[in-house]
């Protein structure tokens, strides 16, 4: 998989040097200032951010704000310092490494390789979507529970993904996973930027955490966006027929419809739950109820510590 490197610098000589020097290290995108790069970062989290601090008075504050967001805490950042700059106080500048401008030609390839090596050792980031994984997800839930912060968790799972993957191959399957993560991230962030969180459990399972008042509207948008784009991943013949021919676990031929998404939602009000496992367990149960529908849908847990039953029309 090709790495992605975002270079943020208003200095053409630096950006040209980095583009030429790092051409074999990954796909490079150049943006002048960090405030102009936020949309790009939200849309497609890079593997590495290289930032030139000189000439950007807002740079440090914006960078710290970005890294304080749980979603981007694991984004690897390498900053370039110029003459007159001080060695960073690490508690005031949330970056992984720094490089003096005078040493750029000599050291940049080594520093970039080190940043990539650190990223590869991190278990909290899914390598496909660059979204936080299970450890971060559980920590986010538990922190909210411990601090008495009301939230809602949505657990999303793709329907009929395995037959699609079996027929079209892992490469096309990976593209579906990546676009699903990107859709969820963009929609959730547009609804609630500061207090939300999106994570990738693994495979075709995702979660988002956000304000309880916004969760259903957000899930509706996720479903509409997914249902609108997923047919484009099918060959025209399968798309027109509305199904694919594949095989079940017993090896028998079977027709599978176009993929959908099922979402289970649990609202965690103050004092109801004490452990993240309670929240994720109920969200998983609601997701399984949602998967009984023939179409993409979400189901909300409207009860507290009671057995799960079939959803009513109001619950879908």
Foldseek 3Di string as FASTA:
>chain_A
DFFEEEEEALDPVVVVVCCVVCVVRGHYDYDHHPVVCPVVCLLANGQEYEYEPPPYPCRQVVQVLQCVQLFCVLRAYEYEDEPPDDDDPCVSGPHDYYYYPVCCVPPVVVVVVVSNVVSVPDPQADPLQRGGEDVSVQVLVQVCQVVQNWKKKKKKAKPPLVQVCVVPHDVLSSVLQNVLQSLLSVLVCVVPPRSKGKGDHDRRMIMMMGHPVCVQVSLVSSQVVSVVPQLVSDDPVCSVVQWDWGADPVGDIDTGGGMGMEMFMEIDGGPQDNGSVVNVVNRVVQSVLRNVDPHYDYFYPPDRPDDDDRDDPVRD
